[in-house]
Amino acid sequence: MLTCRLQYDLLNAASNCKYPLQIYLPTVDRDGFDIIFSDSQTLVPVQIKSTATKRSQWEIHREFFRPKYYDFESYKLFSPSYEGGMGGGVVLIDIKKEQDMLAFSYSYSDYLIVRLLASGHFGYSRLHVKATREALKDMVTNIDGSFILKRKCFLGAPTSDHLLSLMGLHSTISSQWRREWLDYLNAINDKNSFSSWKEAPDKYLSHIIESFAKIGYT
């Protein structure tokens, strides 16, 4: 039911942008994801979790969550513990009962978002920073297996359009900040970076923070 509801809401949000969101379901439960979304330019494998069990943290497979190998230099990942991952994301579905009806809301997390929250630059609480830094540390302890992803590692999506944006898919809400944040990390972490902002990274960061704040994630 949750998978069907997520598909419906994101298809509806994609229609606001006038494109057919592509959806793929795995034939076997082996690769660590529940569903794949694509806007023909970006492909996002997704795990779906919910608060129906009252949990506040979840075990996520490291290989599924780790970024793809070609983004390693941007993230300054050179440890042997980091092999290329799937670059997957996790959609968290909050379920509440209101007047005998179920109400759904969404949050999202992936490696890029965890790094954003862990940076401490974007105004989130110390609890968010602590939880995300713990997740990053947990991810490098082993190559395989799972790590703990806490509720504080997610960003809330006020609407389905915001969820598409958080996932980096085409939306009426801009997701340009995702590309800019990765470009900023590339500028400061890769000495061979070709970023046009490499000579003024602080100015670039201020621009990204301002753009991000205007969107209204929670």
N, C-alpha and C. Protein backbone atom coordinates (compact mmCIF):
# COMPACT_ATOMS: atom_id res chain seq x y z
N MET A 1 0.82 -1.20 0.00
CA MET A 1 0.00 0.00 0.00
C MET A 1 0.86 1.26 0.00
N LEU A 2 1.93 1.26 0.81
CA LEU A 2 2.80 2.43 0.90
C LEU A 2 3.51 2.69 -0.43
N THR A 3 3.94 1.61 -1.07
CA THR A 3 4.61 1.76 -2.36
C THR A 3 3.66 2.35 -3.39
N CYS A 4 2.42 1.88 -3.40
CA CYS A 4 1.42 2.39 -4.35
C CYS A 4 1.11 3.86 -4.08
N ARG A 5 1.01 4.22 -2.80
CA ARG A 5 0.71 5.61 -2.46
C ARG A 5 1.86 6.53 -2.87
N LEU A 6 3.10 6.08 -2.64
CA LEU A 6 4.25 6.88 -3.04
C LEU A 6 4.28 7.06 -4.56
N GLN A 7 4.01 5.99 -5.28
CA GLN A 7 3.97 6.10 -6.74
C GLN A 7 2.92 7.12 -7.19
N TYR A 8 1.74 7.03 -6.61
CA TYR A 8 0.65 7.94 -6.98
C TYR A 8 1.04 9.40 -6.73
N ASP A 9 1.58 9.68 -5.54
CA ASP A 9 1.90 11.06 -5.19
C ASP A 9 3.02 11.62 -6.07
N LEU A 10 4.02 10.81 -6.37
CA LEU A 10 5.12 11.31 -7.19
C LEU A 10 4.73 11.41 -8.67
N LEU A 11 3.89 10.52 -9.15
CA LEU A 11 3.38 10.65 -10.51
C LEU A 11 2.57 11.94 -10.66
N ASN A 12 1.78 12.23 -9.64
CA ASN A 12 0.98 13.46 -9.64
C ASN A 12 1.88 14.69 -9.61
N ALA A 13 2.94 14.65 -8.79
CA ALA A 13 3.88 15.78 -8.72
C ALA A 13 4.62 15.95 -10.04
N ALA A 14 4.99 14.83 -10.67
CA ALA A 14 5.68 14.92 -11.95
C ALA A 14 4.78 15.51 -13.03
N SER A 15 3.47 15.23 -12.94
CA SER A 15 2.54 15.79 -13.92
C SER A 15 2.49 17.32 -13.81
N ASN A 16 2.75 17.85 -12.61
CA ASN A 16 2.81 19.31 -12.45
C ASN A 16 3.95 19.91 -13.27
N CYS A 17 4.97 19.07 -13.52
CA CYS A 17 6.12 19.49 -14.32
C CYS A 17 5.99 19.02 -15.76
N LYS A 18 4.85 18.36 -16.04
CA LYS A 18 4.53 17.92 -17.41
C LYS A 18 5.53 16.92 -17.99
N TYR A 19 5.88 15.90 -17.18
CA TYR A 19 6.68 14.81 -17.72
C TYR A 19 6.22 13.49 -17.10
N PRO A 20 6.40 12.38 -17.84
CA PRO A 20 6.00 11.07 -17.32
C PRO A 20 7.09 10.46 -16.45
N LEU A 21 6.91 10.48 -15.15
CA LEU A 21 7.88 9.87 -14.25
C LEU A 21 7.94 8.37 -14.53
N GLN A 22 9.14 7.85 -14.69
CA GLN A 22 9.32 6.43 -14.95
C GLN A 22 9.54 5.69 -13.64
N ILE A 23 8.87 4.55 -13.51
CA ILE A 23 8.92 3.78 -12.27
C ILE A 23 9.25 2.33 -12.60
N TYR A 24 10.22 1.78 -11.86
CA TYR A 24 10.63 0.39 -12.06
C TYR A 24 10.57 -0.34 -10.72
N LEU A 25 10.00 -1.53 -10.74
CA LEU A 25 9.91 -2.36 -9.54
C LEU A 25 10.80 -3.58 -9.71
N PRO A 26 11.59 -3.94 -8.69
CA PRO A 26 12.47 -5.12 -8.81
C PRO A 26 11.65 -6.40 -8.85
N THR A 27 12.13 -7.36 -9.61
CA THR A 27 11.43 -8.64 -9.69
C THR A 27 11.81 -9.55 -8.53
N VAL A 28 12.97 -9.30 -7.93
CA VAL A 28 13.39 -10.07 -6.76
C VAL A 28 13.89 -9.11 -5.69
N ASP A 29 13.72 -9.47 -4.44
CA ASP A 29 14.17 -8.64 -3.32
C ASP A 29 15.61 -9.00 -3.00
N ARG A 30 16.55 -8.49 -3.82
CA ARG A 30 17.94 -8.89 -3.65
C ARG A 30 18.89 -7.70 -3.62
N ASP A 31 18.56 -6.65 -4.36
CA ASP A 31 19.49 -5.54 -4.56
C ASP A 31 19.36 -4.42 -3.54
N GLY A 32 18.48 -4.55 -2.58
CA GLY A 32 18.42 -3.60 -1.48
C GLY A 32 17.53 -2.40 -1.71
N PHE A 33 16.77 -2.38 -2.81
CA PHE A 33 15.86 -1.26 -3.03
C PHE A 33 14.46 -1.78 -3.30
N ASP A 34 13.48 -0.93 -3.04
CA ASP A 34 12.08 -1.30 -3.23
C ASP A 34 11.52 -0.82 -4.56
N ILE A 35 12.09 0.26 -5.08
CA ILE A 35 11.54 0.89 -6.27
C ILE A 35 12.59 1.82 -6.87
N ILE A 36 12.52 2.06 -8.17
CA ILE A 36 13.42 3.01 -8.84
C ILE A 36 12.58 4.07 -9.53
N PHE A 37 12.98 5.33 -9.37
CA PHE A 37 12.32 6.44 -10.05
C PHE A 37 13.31 7.08 -11.02
N SER A 38 12.80 7.54 -12.17
CA SER A 38 13.66 8.19 -13.15
C SER A 38 12.87 9.25 -13.89
N ASP A 39 13.53 10.40 -14.16
CA ASP A 39 12.93 11.45 -14.98
C ASP A 39 13.59 11.50 -16.35
N SER A 40 14.23 10.40 -16.73
CA SER A 40 14.95 10.23 -18.00
C SER A 40 16.35 10.82 -17.98
N GLN A 41 16.68 11.60 -16.94
CA GLN A 41 18.04 12.12 -16.78
C GLN A 41 18.69 11.59 -15.52
N THR A 42 17.91 11.46 -14.47
CA THR A 42 18.41 10.99 -13.18
C THR A 42 17.65 9.74 -12.78
N LEU A 43 18.37 8.74 -12.29
CA LEU A 43 17.77 7.49 -11.85
C LEU A 43 18.06 7.31 -10.36
N VAL A 44 17.00 7.09 -9.56
CA VAL A 44 17.15 7.03 -8.11
C VAL A 44 16.57 5.73 -7.55
N PRO A 45 17.42 4.78 -7.12
CA PRO A 45 16.92 3.60 -6.41
C PRO A 45 16.51 3.99 -4.99
N VAL A 46 15.38 3.49 -4.53
CA VAL A 46 14.80 3.96 -3.26
C VAL A 46 14.40 2.79 -2.37
N GLN A 47 14.73 2.91 -1.11
CA GLN A 47 14.15 2.06 -0.07
C GLN A 47 13.02 2.84 0.59
N ILE A 48 11.98 2.14 0.98
CA ILE A 48 10.84 2.77 1.63
C ILE A 48 10.77 2.30 3.08
N LYS A 49 10.75 3.25 4.00
CA LYS A 49 10.57 2.96 5.42
C LYS A 49 9.35 3.73 5.91
N SER A 50 8.81 3.30 7.02
CA SER A 50 7.64 4.01 7.57
C SER A 50 7.73 4.10 9.08
N THR A 51 6.93 5.00 9.63
CA THR A 51 6.88 5.17 11.08
C THR A 51 5.77 4.33 11.69
N ALA A 52 5.19 3.42 10.90
CA ALA A 52 4.09 2.59 11.41
C ALA A 52 4.55 1.72 12.57
N THR A 53 5.84 1.37 12.59
CA THR A 53 6.38 0.53 13.66
C THR A 53 6.90 1.35 14.84
N LYS A 54 6.75 2.68 14.76
CA LYS A 54 7.19 3.60 15.82
C LYS A 54 8.71 3.63 15.97
N ARG A 55 9.43 3.20 14.95
CA ARG A 55 10.88 3.23 15.02
C ARG A 55 11.39 4.63 14.69
N SER A 56 12.57 4.94 15.21
CA SER A 56 13.20 6.23 14.92
C SER A 56 14.58 6.06 14.29
N GLN A 57 14.94 4.82 13.98
CA GLN A 57 16.18 4.56 13.28
C GLN A 57 16.03 3.26 12.51
N TRP A 58 16.82 3.16 11.42
CA TRP A 58 16.67 2.04 10.52
C TRP A 58 18.04 1.54 10.09
N GLU A 59 18.15 0.23 9.84
CA GLU A 59 19.37 -0.36 9.31
C GLU A 59 19.34 -0.27 7.79
N ILE A 60 20.36 0.36 7.21
CA ILE A 60 20.45 0.55 5.77
C ILE A 60 21.75 -0.09 5.28
N HIS A 61 21.68 -0.81 4.19
CA HIS A 61 22.88 -1.47 3.68
C HIS A 61 23.86 -0.42 3.16
N ARG A 62 25.11 -0.56 3.54
CA ARG A 62 26.14 0.42 3.17
C ARG A 62 26.29 0.54 1.65
N GLU A 63 26.32 -0.57 0.96
CA GLU A 63 26.54 -0.54 -0.49
C GLU A 63 25.40 0.20 -1.19
N PHE A 64 24.17 0.02 -0.72
CA PHE A 64 23.03 0.70 -1.32
C PHE A 64 23.15 2.22 -1.15
N PHE A 65 23.58 2.68 0.01
CA PHE A 65 23.56 4.10 0.36
C PHE A 65 24.79 4.85 -0.10
N ARG A 66 25.94 4.15 -0.24
CA ARG A 66 27.17 4.83 -0.62
C ARG A 66 27.02 5.49 -1.99
N PRO A 67 27.70 6.63 -2.20
CA PRO A 67 27.63 7.29 -3.51
C PRO A 67 28.30 6.46 -4.59
N LYS A 68 28.01 6.80 -5.82
CA LYS A 68 28.65 6.12 -6.94
C LYS A 68 30.12 6.54 -7.01
N TYR A 69 30.91 5.66 -7.60
CA TYR A 69 32.36 5.84 -7.57
C TYR A 69 32.81 7.16 -8.18
N TYR A 70 32.12 7.62 -9.25
CA TYR A 70 32.60 8.83 -9.92
C TYR A 70 32.41 10.09 -9.09
N ASP A 71 31.68 10.00 -7.96
CA ASP A 71 31.52 11.15 -7.06
C ASP A 71 32.50 11.11 -5.89
N PHE A 72 33.37 10.10 -5.83
CA PHE A 72 34.26 9.93 -4.68
C PHE A 72 35.16 11.13 -4.43
N GLU A 73 35.74 11.68 -5.48
CA GLU A 73 36.68 12.79 -5.27
C GLU A 73 35.96 14.01 -4.72
N SER A 74 34.71 14.23 -5.16
CA SER A 74 33.94 15.35 -4.61
C SER A 74 33.72 15.18 -3.12
N TYR A 75 33.49 13.95 -2.69
CA TYR A 75 33.23 13.69 -1.27
C TYR A 75 34.52 13.42 -0.49
N LYS A 76 35.64 13.42 -1.18
CA LYS A 76 36.94 13.13 -0.56
C LYS A 76 36.94 11.76 0.10
N LEU A 77 36.50 10.78 -0.67
CA LEU A 77 36.45 9.40 -0.19
C LEU A 77 37.55 8.60 -0.87
N PHE A 78 38.58 8.30 -0.11
CA PHE A 78 39.69 7.53 -0.67
C PHE A 78 40.02 6.32 0.20
N SER A 79 39.24 6.11 1.25
CA SER A 79 39.49 5.00 2.15
C SER A 79 39.19 3.68 1.47
N PRO A 80 39.97 2.62 1.77
CA PRO A 80 39.66 1.29 1.23
C PRO A 80 38.28 0.80 1.65
N SER A 81 37.74 1.38 2.74
CA SER A 81 36.41 0.98 3.19
C SER A 81 35.31 1.48 2.28
N TYR A 82 35.66 2.37 1.35
CA TYR A 82 34.65 2.92 0.45
C TYR A 82 34.79 2.34 -0.94
N GLU A 83 33.92 1.43 -1.25
CA GLU A 83 33.78 0.96 -2.61
C GLU A 83 32.58 1.67 -3.23
N GLY A 84 32.52 1.67 -4.55
CA GLY A 84 31.41 2.34 -5.20
C GLY A 84 30.07 1.75 -4.78
N GLY A 85 29.11 2.63 -4.50
CA GLY A 85 27.79 2.18 -4.11
C GLY A 85 26.75 2.44 -5.18
N MET A 86 25.49 2.27 -4.79
CA MET A 86 24.38 2.46 -5.72
C MET A 86 23.88 3.91 -5.75
N GLY A 87 24.33 4.73 -4.78
CA GLY A 87 23.82 6.09 -4.70
C GLY A 87 22.34 6.13 -4.42
N GLY A 88 21.88 5.20 -3.58
CA GLY A 88 20.45 5.09 -3.29
C GLY A 88 19.97 6.07 -2.23
N GLY A 89 18.66 6.21 -2.15
CA GLY A 89 18.05 7.08 -1.15
C GLY A 89 16.94 6.35 -0.40
N VAL A 90 16.55 6.92 0.73
CA VAL A 90 15.52 6.32 1.58
C VAL A 90 14.37 7.30 1.73
N VAL A 91 13.18 6.87 1.39
CA VAL A 91 11.97 7.66 1.61
C VAL A 91 11.31 7.17 2.90
N LEU A 92 11.11 8.09 3.82
CA LEU A 92 10.45 7.78 5.08
C LEU A 92 9.01 8.30 5.02
N ILE A 93 8.05 7.41 5.23
CA ILE A 93 6.64 7.77 5.16
C ILE A 93 6.06 7.85 6.58
N ASP A 94 5.63 9.03 6.95
CA ASP A 94 4.93 9.23 8.23
C ASP A 94 3.45 8.98 8.02
N ILE A 95 2.87 8.17 8.89
CA ILE A 95 1.45 7.83 8.77
C ILE A 95 0.73 8.27 10.04
N LYS A 96 -0.30 9.07 9.86
CA LYS A 96 -1.11 9.52 10.98
C LYS A 96 -2.59 9.33 10.65
N LYS A 97 -3.37 9.04 11.67
CA LYS A 97 -4.80 8.87 11.48
C LYS A 97 -5.52 10.14 11.90
N GLU A 98 -6.21 10.73 10.97
CA GLU A 98 -6.94 11.97 11.21
C GLU A 98 -8.39 11.81 10.79
N GLN A 99 -9.32 11.84 11.78
CA GLN A 99 -10.75 11.70 11.52
C GLN A 99 -11.05 10.45 10.69
N ASP A 100 -10.55 9.31 11.16
CA ASP A 100 -10.76 8.01 10.53
C ASP A 100 -10.15 7.91 9.14
N MET A 101 -9.25 8.82 8.79
CA MET A 101 -8.55 8.78 7.51
C MET A 101 -7.04 8.76 7.76
N LEU A 102 -6.32 8.06 6.91
CA LEU A 102 -4.87 8.03 7.03
C LEU A 102 -4.26 9.22 6.29
N ALA A 103 -3.36 9.94 6.96
CA ALA A 103 -2.64 11.05 6.36
C ALA A 103 -1.18 10.65 6.20
N PHE A 104 -0.62 10.97 5.03
CA PHE A 104 0.75 10.58 4.73
C PHE A 104 1.63 11.82 4.52
N SER A 105 2.84 11.77 5.04
CA SER A 105 3.83 12.81 4.75
C SER A 105 5.18 12.13 4.55
N TYR A 106 6.09 12.84 3.87
CA TYR A 106 7.33 12.22 3.43
C TYR A 106 8.57 12.96 3.93
N SER A 107 9.62 12.17 4.15
CA SER A 107 10.96 12.70 4.38
C SER A 107 11.91 11.88 3.52
N TYR A 108 13.11 12.42 3.30
CA TYR A 108 14.04 11.74 2.41
C TYR A 108 15.47 11.92 2.89
N SER A 109 16.28 10.90 2.62
CA SER A 109 17.71 10.97 2.95
C SER A 109 18.51 10.21 1.91
N ASP A 110 19.67 10.74 1.59
CA ASP A 110 20.67 10.02 0.82
C ASP A 110 22.03 10.54 1.25
N TYR A 111 23.10 10.04 0.64
CA TYR A 111 24.44 10.41 1.11
C TYR A 111 24.69 11.90 0.99
N LEU A 112 24.25 12.51 -0.10
CA LEU A 112 24.45 13.94 -0.29
C LEU A 112 23.77 14.74 0.82
N ILE A 113 22.56 14.35 1.18
CA ILE A 113 21.82 15.05 2.24
C ILE A 113 22.47 14.85 3.60
N VAL A 114 22.94 13.64 3.86
CA VAL A 114 23.64 13.39 5.12
C VAL A 114 24.88 14.27 5.23
N ARG A 115 25.62 14.39 4.14
CA ARG A 115 26.81 15.25 4.16
C ARG A 115 26.42 16.71 4.35
N LEU A 116 25.32 17.12 3.76
CA LEU A 116 24.84 18.50 3.93
C LEU A 116 24.52 18.79 5.39
N LEU A 117 23.75 17.89 6.02
CA LEU A 117 23.37 18.09 7.42
C LEU A 117 24.59 18.02 8.34
N ALA A 118 25.51 17.11 8.03
CA ALA A 118 26.69 16.93 8.87
C ALA A 118 27.63 18.13 8.80
N SER A 119 27.53 18.93 7.75
CA SER A 119 28.44 20.07 7.59
C SER A 119 28.20 21.14 8.65
N GLY A 120 26.98 21.22 9.16
CA GLY A 120 26.66 22.24 10.16
C GLY A 120 26.45 23.63 9.59
N HIS A 121 26.43 23.76 8.24
CA HIS A 121 26.32 25.07 7.61
C HIS A 121 24.88 25.55 7.38
N PHE A 122 23.91 24.64 7.46
CA PHE A 122 22.59 24.95 6.95
C PHE A 122 21.54 25.24 8.03
N GLY A 123 21.98 25.49 9.25
CA GLY A 123 21.07 25.95 10.29
C GLY A 123 20.30 24.86 11.01
N TYR A 124 20.62 23.60 10.78
CA TYR A 124 19.92 22.54 11.49
C TYR A 124 20.55 22.34 12.87
N SER A 125 19.81 21.68 13.75
CA SER A 125 20.20 21.59 15.15
C SER A 125 21.45 20.73 15.35
N ARG A 126 22.00 20.83 16.54
CA ARG A 126 23.16 20.01 16.89
C ARG A 126 22.81 18.53 16.84
N LEU A 127 21.56 18.19 17.12
CA LEU A 127 21.12 16.80 17.08
C LEU A 127 21.18 16.26 15.65
N HIS A 128 20.80 17.11 14.69
CA HIS A 128 20.91 16.71 13.29
C HIS A 128 22.38 16.49 12.91
N VAL A 129 23.23 17.42 13.30
CA VAL A 129 24.65 17.32 12.98
C VAL A 129 25.26 16.07 13.62
N LYS A 130 24.92 15.82 14.87
CA LYS A 130 25.47 14.66 15.58
C LYS A 130 25.01 13.37 14.92
N ALA A 131 23.71 13.26 14.62
CA ALA A 131 23.17 12.03 14.04
C ALA A 131 23.79 11.73 12.68
N THR A 132 23.97 12.78 11.87
CA THR A 132 24.52 12.56 10.54
C THR A 132 26.01 12.24 10.60
N ARG A 133 26.72 12.85 11.50
CA ARG A 133 28.15 12.53 11.63
C ARG A 133 28.34 11.11 12.16
N GLU A 134 27.45 10.67 13.04
CA GLU A 134 27.50 9.29 13.51
C GLU A 134 27.23 8.32 12.36
N ALA A 135 26.27 8.68 11.50
CA ALA A 135 25.96 7.82 10.35
C ALA A 135 27.16 7.72 9.41
N LEU A 136 27.83 8.85 9.16
CA LEU A 136 28.99 8.85 8.28
C LEU A 136 30.11 8.00 8.87
N LYS A 137 30.32 8.10 10.17
CA LYS A 137 31.36 7.30 10.84
C LYS A 137 31.01 5.82 10.77
N ASP A 138 29.73 5.51 10.97
CA ASP A 138 29.26 4.12 10.94
C ASP A 138 29.45 3.51 9.55
N MET A 139 29.30 4.33 8.52
CA MET A 139 29.38 3.83 7.15
C MET A 139 30.78 3.34 6.78
N VAL A 140 31.82 3.87 7.41
CA VAL A 140 33.20 3.51 7.04
C VAL A 140 33.78 2.41 7.90
N THR A 141 33.01 1.90 8.86
CA THR A 141 33.55 0.86 9.74
C THR A 141 33.74 -0.45 9.00
N ASN A 142 32.91 -0.72 8.00
CA ASN A 142 33.03 -1.93 7.19
C ASN A 142 32.62 -1.62 5.75
N ILE A 143 33.04 -2.50 4.83
CA ILE A 143 32.63 -2.35 3.45
C ILE A 143 31.20 -2.83 3.27
N ASP A 144 30.89 -3.99 3.83
CA ASP A 144 29.57 -4.60 3.68
C ASP A 144 28.73 -4.39 4.93
N GLY A 145 27.60 -5.03 4.97
CA GLY A 145 26.74 -4.93 6.14
C GLY A 145 25.92 -3.65 6.14
N SER A 146 25.33 -3.37 7.29
CA SER A 146 24.41 -2.24 7.42
C SER A 146 24.92 -1.21 8.41
N PHE A 147 24.40 0.00 8.31
CA PHE A 147 24.68 1.05 9.28
C PHE A 147 23.34 1.61 9.76
N ILE A 148 23.39 2.42 10.81
CA ILE A 148 22.17 2.97 11.40
C ILE A 148 21.91 4.37 10.85
N LEU A 149 20.71 4.55 10.29
CA LEU A 149 20.28 5.84 9.78
C LEU A 149 19.14 6.33 10.67
N LYS A 150 19.39 7.42 11.42
CA LYS A 150 18.42 7.93 12.37
C LYS A 150 17.45 8.93 11.72
N ARG A 151 16.36 9.17 12.41
CA ARG A 151 15.33 10.09 11.91
C ARG A 151 15.92 11.48 11.62
N LYS A 152 16.88 11.91 12.40
CA LYS A 152 17.49 13.23 12.22
C LYS A 152 18.33 13.33 10.94
N CYS A 153 18.51 12.21 10.25
CA CYS A 153 19.28 12.22 9.00
C CYS A 153 18.40 12.49 7.79
N PHE A 154 17.11 12.75 8.02
CA PHE A 154 16.17 12.97 6.92
C PHE A 154 15.77 14.43 6.84
N LEU A 155 15.45 14.87 5.63
CA LEU A 155 14.83 16.18 5.42
C LEU A 155 13.36 15.97 5.07
N GLY A 156 12.49 16.78 5.68
CA GLY A 156 11.06 16.66 5.43
C GLY A 156 10.64 17.36 4.15
N ALA A 157 9.67 16.75 3.46
CA ALA A 157 9.14 17.31 2.22
C ALA A 157 7.72 17.80 2.47
N PRO A 158 7.49 19.12 2.50
CA PRO A 158 6.14 19.64 2.74
C PRO A 158 5.12 19.18 1.71
N THR A 159 5.56 18.92 0.47
CA THR A 159 4.68 18.46 -0.60
C THR A 159 5.40 17.39 -1.41
N SER A 160 4.65 16.72 -2.27
CA SER A 160 5.26 15.72 -3.15
C SER A 160 6.21 16.37 -4.14
N ASP A 161 5.94 17.62 -4.51
CA ASP A 161 6.87 18.35 -5.37
C ASP A 161 8.21 18.53 -4.68
N HIS A 162 8.17 18.83 -3.38
CA HIS A 162 9.41 18.95 -2.61
C HIS A 162 10.15 17.62 -2.55
N LEU A 163 9.41 16.51 -2.46
CA LEU A 163 10.05 15.19 -2.40
C LEU A 163 10.80 14.90 -3.70
N LEU A 164 10.17 15.18 -4.84
CA LEU A 164 10.88 15.03 -6.11
C LEU A 164 12.17 15.85 -6.12
N SER A 165 12.08 17.07 -5.62
CA SER A 165 13.25 17.96 -5.57
C SER A 165 14.34 17.38 -4.68
N LEU A 166 13.97 16.88 -3.50
CA LEU A 166 14.95 16.28 -2.60
C LEU A 166 15.66 15.11 -3.25
N MET A 167 14.93 14.36 -4.08
CA MET A 167 15.50 13.19 -4.74
C MET A 167 16.35 13.58 -5.94
N GLY A 168 16.33 14.86 -6.33
CA GLY A 168 17.10 15.31 -7.47
C GLY A 168 16.41 15.08 -8.80
N LEU A 169 15.09 14.85 -8.77
CA LEU A 169 14.31 14.64 -9.98
C LEU A 169 13.64 15.95 -10.40
N HIS A 170 13.25 16.04 -11.67
CA HIS A 170 12.58 17.24 -12.15
C HIS A 170 11.33 17.53 -11.32
N SER A 171 11.17 18.78 -10.94
CA SER A 171 10.06 19.17 -10.08
C SER A 171 9.77 20.65 -10.28
N THR A 172 8.59 21.08 -9.85
CA THR A 172 8.30 22.52 -9.84
C THR A 172 9.15 23.22 -8.79
N ILE A 173 9.71 22.45 -7.85
CA ILE A 173 10.63 22.97 -6.84
C ILE A 173 12.05 22.69 -7.33
N SER A 174 12.88 23.70 -7.37
CA SER A 174 14.22 23.55 -7.91
C SER A 174 15.08 22.61 -7.06
N SER A 175 15.84 21.74 -7.73
CA SER A 175 16.81 20.90 -7.04
C SER A 175 18.24 21.27 -7.44
N GLN A 176 18.39 22.48 -7.97
CA GLN A 176 19.70 22.95 -8.41
C GLN A 176 20.71 22.93 -7.27
N TRP A 177 20.21 23.14 -6.03
CA TRP A 177 21.11 23.16 -4.88
C TRP A 177 21.87 21.84 -4.73
N ARG A 178 21.27 20.72 -5.14
CA ARG A 178 21.96 19.43 -5.04
C ARG A 178 23.22 19.43 -5.90
N ARG A 179 23.09 19.88 -7.15
CA ARG A 179 24.24 19.94 -8.04
C ARG A 179 25.27 20.95 -7.55
N GLU A 180 24.78 22.07 -7.02
CA GLU A 180 25.70 23.10 -6.53
C GLU A 180 26.43 22.64 -5.27
N TRP A 181 25.74 21.94 -4.37
CA TRP A 181 26.37 21.44 -3.15
C TRP A 181 27.48 20.44 -3.49
N LEU A 182 27.20 19.53 -4.44
CA LEU A 182 28.22 18.58 -4.85
C LEU A 182 29.37 19.30 -5.53
N ASP A 183 29.06 20.32 -6.32
CA ASP A 183 30.10 21.10 -6.99
C ASP A 183 30.96 21.84 -5.97
N TYR A 184 30.32 22.37 -4.91
CA TYR A 184 31.07 23.04 -3.84
C TYR A 184 32.02 22.06 -3.15
N LEU A 185 31.51 20.86 -2.82
CA LEU A 185 32.37 19.86 -2.20
C LEU A 185 33.52 19.49 -3.12
N ASN A 186 33.24 19.43 -4.39
CA ASN A 186 34.28 19.14 -5.38
C ASN A 186 35.34 20.25 -5.39
N ALA A 187 34.87 21.49 -5.27
CA ALA A 187 35.78 22.64 -5.31
C ALA A 187 36.74 22.64 -4.12
N ILE A 188 36.27 22.21 -2.95
CA ILE A 188 37.12 22.25 -1.76
C ILE A 188 37.88 20.95 -1.51
N ASN A 189 37.42 19.84 -2.11
CA ASN A 189 38.04 18.54 -1.82
C ASN A 189 38.95 18.01 -2.92
N ASP A 190 38.73 18.47 -4.15
CA ASP A 190 39.51 17.96 -5.27
C ASP A 190 40.43 19.05 -5.80
N LYS A 191 41.72 18.87 -5.65
CA LYS A 191 42.67 19.89 -6.08
C LYS A 191 42.67 20.09 -7.60
N ASN A 192 42.16 19.09 -8.31
CA ASN A 192 42.08 19.19 -9.77
C ASN A 192 40.70 19.62 -10.26
N SER A 193 39.90 20.12 -9.34
CA SER A 193 38.54 20.52 -9.69
C SER A 193 38.54 21.63 -10.73
N PHE A 194 37.54 21.58 -11.62
CA PHE A 194 37.38 22.62 -12.62
C PHE A 194 36.23 23.57 -12.26
N SER A 195 35.76 23.52 -11.01
CA SER A 195 34.66 24.38 -10.59
C SER A 195 35.03 25.85 -10.77
N SER A 196 34.08 26.62 -11.32
CA SER A 196 34.31 28.05 -11.52
C SER A 196 34.35 28.80 -10.19
N TRP A 197 33.91 28.14 -9.11
CA TRP A 197 33.88 28.77 -7.79
C TRP A 197 35.09 28.38 -6.95
N LYS A 198 36.05 27.68 -7.53
CA LYS A 198 37.17 27.16 -6.73
C LYS A 198 37.95 28.27 -6.03
N GLU A 199 38.02 29.45 -6.64
CA GLU A 199 38.77 30.55 -6.05
C GLU A 199 37.98 31.30 -4.98
N ALA A 200 36.65 31.05 -4.91
CA ALA A 200 35.83 31.75 -3.91
C ALA A 200 34.79 30.80 -3.32
N PRO A 201 35.24 29.72 -2.66
CA PRO A 201 34.29 28.72 -2.15
C PRO A 201 33.34 29.26 -1.08
N ASP A 202 33.80 30.20 -0.26
CA ASP A 202 32.93 30.75 0.78
C ASP A 202 31.75 31.51 0.17
N LYS A 203 32.02 32.22 -0.90
CA LYS A 203 30.96 32.94 -1.60
C LYS A 203 29.98 31.95 -2.22
N TYR A 204 30.51 30.89 -2.77
CA TYR A 204 29.67 29.85 -3.37
C TYR A 204 28.79 29.21 -2.30
N LEU A 205 29.35 28.89 -1.14
CA LEU A 205 28.60 28.28 -0.05
C LEU A 205 27.47 29.18 0.40
N SER A 206 27.72 30.48 0.53
CA SER A 206 26.68 31.42 0.94
C SER A 206 25.52 31.42 -0.06
N HIS A 207 25.86 31.36 -1.34
CA HIS A 207 24.84 31.30 -2.38
C HIS A 207 23.99 30.04 -2.24
N ILE A 208 24.62 28.89 -1.99
CA ILE A 208 23.90 27.62 -1.86
C ILE A 208 22.99 27.64 -0.64
N ILE A 209 23.50 28.13 0.48
CA ILE A 209 22.71 28.20 1.71
C ILE A 209 21.48 29.08 1.52
N GLU A 210 21.66 30.20 0.86
CA GLU A 210 20.54 31.11 0.61
C GLU A 210 19.50 30.46 -0.30
N SER A 211 19.94 29.80 -1.36
CA SER A 211 19.02 29.13 -2.28
C SER A 211 18.27 28.01 -1.58
N PHE A 212 18.98 27.24 -0.78
CA PHE A 212 18.39 26.12 -0.06
C PHE A 212 17.33 26.60 0.93
N ALA A 213 17.63 27.68 1.66
CA ALA A 213 16.71 28.18 2.69
C ALA A 213 15.38 28.65 2.09
N LYS A 214 15.41 29.14 0.87
CA LYS A 214 14.19 29.67 0.23
C LYS A 214 13.20 28.56 -0.13
N ILE A 215 13.67 27.32 -0.24
CA ILE A 215 12.81 26.24 -0.72
C ILE A 215 11.83 25.79 0.35
N GLY A 216 12.24 25.75 1.61
CA GLY A 216 11.31 25.44 2.69
C GLY A 216 11.17 23.98 3.04
N TYR A 217 12.27 23.20 2.90
CA TYR A 217 12.24 21.84 3.43
C TYR A 217 12.14 21.93 4.96
N THR A 218 11.77 20.82 5.59
CA THR A 218 11.62 20.84 7.06
C THR A 218 12.56 19.84 7.71
